[in-house]
């Protein structure tokens, strides 16, 4: 097995108790993804995306703006010869509900630069997120943000509690938005 040495960034949103309930309520109001290849035990994915990433929920917008600031401060790695940075932008987001028994198989988000996972609701017996090739496990907490290279393989094993809710998204390099 190849071991990946890609960084996993961890942060805590200081005002999560002010926004998370409203984010979870909004996520639960969305329709499930009706993917034809959905298997028994897979989590309920609720999409919040369109081509312009128009975010209609105020609290989701607050969190995505904060995440965007963090990602551009700590993760932007492309620097042009003249010292300018290529900014990153959130290109898609979705919410995931985990019932008892829900899980997500090993996967990555290839084609993107970075992926994030933000803990909206994380009951005591909620699953960890596992990065199998680096052998890392993270027991995510409410308000905790994980940001990692989108090529990093990860999974969520069998969930042992009701109510786990995660806000997830991908970032791409914004070639039209170059820092001076």
Protein backbone atom coordinates (compact mmCIF):
# COMPACT_ATOMS: atom_id res chain seq x y z
CA UNK A 1 0.00 0.00 0.00
CA UNK A 2 1.30 3.46 -0.88
CA UNK A 3 1.40 5.82 2.10
CA UNK A 4 0.34 9.37 1.34
CA UNK A 5 2.05 12.21 3.15
CA UNK A 6 -0.53 14.81 2.23
CA UNK A 7 -1.45 17.29 4.94
CA UNK A 8 -4.81 17.26 6.72
CA UNK A 9 -5.55 20.73 8.08
CA UNK A 10 -7.79 20.99 11.16
CA UNK A 11 -9.59 24.11 12.43
CA UNK A 12 -12.40 24.96 14.84
CA UNK A 13 -15.05 27.54 13.91
CA UNK A 14 -15.44 29.65 17.07
CA UNK A 15 -19.14 30.48 16.57
CA UNK A 16 -20.41 27.05 15.50
CA UNK A 17 -23.05 27.06 18.22
CA UNK A 18 -24.68 30.10 16.53
CA UNK A 19 -24.94 28.62 13.03
CA UNK A 20 -24.87 24.82 13.08
CA UNK A 21 -28.51 24.19 14.03
CA UNK A 22 -29.70 26.43 11.17
CA UNK A 23 -27.30 24.74 8.75
CA UNK A 24 -28.53 21.29 9.77
CA UNK A 25 -32.17 22.38 9.43
CA UNK A 26 -31.42 23.72 5.95
CA UNK A 27 -29.58 20.56 4.88
CA UNK A 28 -32.47 18.40 6.10
CA UNK A 29 -34.90 20.53 4.05
CA UNK A 30 -33.13 19.62 0.79
CA UNK A 31 -34.03 16.60 -1.34
CA UNK A 32 -31.83 13.52 -1.29
CA UNK A 33 -29.57 12.82 -4.23
CA UNK A 34 -31.32 10.16 -6.29
CA UNK A 35 -28.17 8.56 -7.66
CA UNK A 36 -29.05 5.25 -9.38
CA UNK A 37 -25.95 3.50 -7.94
CA UNK A 38 -26.76 4.28 -4.31
CA UNK A 39 -26.27 1.21 -2.13
CA UNK A 40 -27.95 0.17 1.10
CA UNK A 41 -26.23 1.79 4.06
CA UNK A 42 -24.88 4.70 2.05
CA UNK A 43 -25.39 8.14 3.56
CA UNK A 44 -28.08 10.54 2.42
CA UNK A 45 -26.45 13.18 0.24
CA UNK A 46 -28.21 16.49 -0.30
CA UNK A 47 -26.78 18.74 -3.01
CA UNK A 48 -26.55 22.52 -2.70
CA UNK A 49 -24.82 23.39 -5.91
CA UNK A 50 -25.27 25.04 -9.24
CA UNK A 51 -22.86 26.48 -11.76
CA UNK A 52 -22.60 29.82 -9.94
CA UNK A 53 -22.60 28.29 -6.42
CA UNK A 54 -25.41 30.60 -5.35
CA UNK A 55 -25.72 29.90 -1.64
CA UNK A 56 -29.23 30.75 -0.46
CA UNK A 57 -28.81 29.93 3.22
CA UNK A 58 -27.19 32.73 5.25
CA UNK A 59 -25.44 30.42 7.73
CA UNK A 60 -24.04 28.14 5.01
CA UNK A 61 -22.73 31.29 3.32
CA UNK A 62 -21.02 32.40 6.54
CA UNK A 63 -19.29 29.03 6.95
CA UNK A 64 -18.27 28.76 3.27
CA UNK A 65 -16.81 32.30 3.39
CA UNK A 66 -14.82 31.42 6.53
CA UNK A 67 -13.61 28.16 4.95
CA UNK A 68 -12.61 30.03 1.77
CA UNK A 69 -10.52 32.47 3.81
CA UNK A 70 -8.81 29.61 5.68
CA UNK A 71 -8.13 27.64 2.49
CA UNK A 72 -6.68 30.65 0.68
CA UNK A 73 -4.51 31.55 3.67
CA UNK A 74 -3.13 28.07 4.37
CA UNK A 75 -3.52 25.89 1.29
CA UNK A 76 -2.90 27.97 -1.82
CA UNK A 77 0.30 26.47 -3.21
CA UNK A 78 0.53 27.81 -6.75
CA UNK A 79 2.77 30.87 -6.93
CA UNK A 80 3.53 32.56 -10.23
CA UNK A 81 7.07 33.66 -11.16
CA UNK A 82 6.28 37.22 -10.10
CA UNK A 83 5.21 36.09 -6.60
CA UNK A 84 1.44 36.28 -7.10
CA UNK A 85 -0.76 33.46 -5.72
CA UNK A 86 -3.59 31.75 -7.56
CA UNK A 87 -6.64 31.94 -5.28
CA UNK A 88 -8.88 28.98 -4.58
CA UNK A 89 -12.67 29.05 -4.82
CA UNK A 90 -15.36 26.70 -3.59
CA UNK A 91 -16.84 25.03 -6.66
CA UNK A 92 -19.45 22.77 -5.03
CA UNK A 93 -20.93 21.93 -1.65
CA UNK A 94 -23.30 19.33 -0.29
CA UNK A 95 -24.67 18.11 3.00
CA UNK A 96 -24.56 14.52 4.20
CA UNK A 97 -26.93 12.98 6.75
CA UNK A 98 -25.73 9.84 8.45
CA UNK A 99 -28.39 7.66 10.05
CA UNK A 100 -27.41 4.76 12.23
CA UNK A 101 -25.75 2.25 9.89
CA UNK A 102 -24.88 4.80 7.19
CA UNK A 103 -21.40 4.80 5.71
CA UNK A 104 -19.32 6.06 2.79
CA UNK A 105 -16.88 3.79 1.00
CA UNK A 106 -13.28 4.67 0.22
CA UNK A 107 -13.08 7.44 -2.36
CA UNK A 108 -11.30 10.64 -3.31
CA UNK A 109 -12.32 13.85 -5.05
CA UNK A 110 -9.88 13.79 -7.96
CA UNK A 111 -10.00 16.74 -10.31
CA UNK A 112 -10.26 19.26 -7.48
CA UNK A 113 -7.51 20.93 -5.47
CA UNK A 114 -8.87 20.61 -1.91
CA UNK A 115 -11.83 19.03 -0.16
CA UNK A 116 -13.37 20.12 3.13
CA UNK A 117 -15.53 18.44 5.73
CA UNK A 118 -17.24 20.64 8.34
CA UNK A 119 -18.93 19.07 11.38
CA UNK A 120 -22.49 20.42 11.63
CA UNK A 121 -23.90 17.82 14.04
CA UNK A 122 -21.68 15.11 15.49
CA UNK A 123 -23.36 12.99 18.20
CA UNK A 124 -21.18 11.09 20.66
CA UNK A 125 -21.13 7.73 18.83
CA UNK A 126 -20.65 9.19 15.33
CA UNK A 127 -18.19 7.61 12.93
CA UNK A 128 -14.68 8.86 12.41
CA UNK A 129 -13.33 9.84 9.01
CA UNK A 130 -10.56 7.44 8.00
CA UNK A 131 -7.70 8.14 5.59
CA UNK A 132 -6.61 4.54 4.91
CA UNK A 133 -3.39 5.10 2.98
CA UNK A 134 -1.99 7.47 5.60
CA UNK A 135 -3.55 5.42 8.43
CA UNK A 136 -5.05 8.54 9.99
CA UNK A 137 -8.40 8.67 11.77
CA UNK A 138 -10.14 11.87 12.79
CA UNK A 139 -13.01 11.91 15.27
CA UNK A 140 -14.64 15.07 13.94
CA UNK A 141 -16.36 17.43 16.40
CA UNK A 142 -19.10 19.97 15.89
CA UNK A 143 -17.66 23.11 14.33
CA UNK A 144 -14.48 21.31 13.30
CA UNK A 145 -13.21 21.83 9.78
CA UNK A 146 -10.98 19.34 7.99
CA UNK A 147 -9.30 20.44 4.75
CA UNK A 148 -7.20 18.06 2.69
CA UNK A 149 -5.80 17.51 -0.78
CA UNK A 150 -8.67 16.16 -2.86
CA UNK A 151 -6.58 13.20 -4.06
CA UNK A 152 -6.38 11.86 -0.50
CA UNK A 153 -8.49 8.71 -0.21
CA UNK A 154 -10.89 8.61 2.72
CA UNK A 155 -13.98 6.83 4.01
CA UNK A 156 -16.56 6.92 6.77
CA UNK A 157 -17.29 3.55 8.38
CA UNK A 158 -20.59 2.29 9.78
CA UNK A 159 -22.17 5.10 11.82
CA UNK A 160 -23.35 4.05 15.30
CA UNK A 161 -25.63 7.01 16.05
CA UNK A 162 -28.43 9.09 14.53
CA UNK A 163 -28.03 12.70 13.51
CA UNK A 164 -24.48 13.00 12.17
CA UNK A 165 -24.56 15.85 9.64
CA UNK A 166 -21.57 17.09 7.67
CA UNK A 167 -21.14 19.97 5.22
CA UNK A 168 -18.72 18.95 2.47
CA UNK A 169 -17.25 20.71 -0.56
CA UNK A 170 -14.49 21.00 -3.09
CA UNK A 171 -12.14 23.84 -4.04
CA UNK A 172 -10.57 24.56 -7.40
CA UNK A 173 -7.90 27.05 -8.45
CA UNK A 174 -9.50 30.28 -9.66
CA UNK A 175 -7.27 31.27 -12.57
CA UNK A 176 -9.29 34.47 -13.05
CA UNK A 177 -8.51 35.61 -9.50
CA UNK A 178 -4.78 36.13 -9.02
CA UNK A 179 -3.44 37.79 -5.85
CA UNK A 180 -1.15 40.81 -6.26
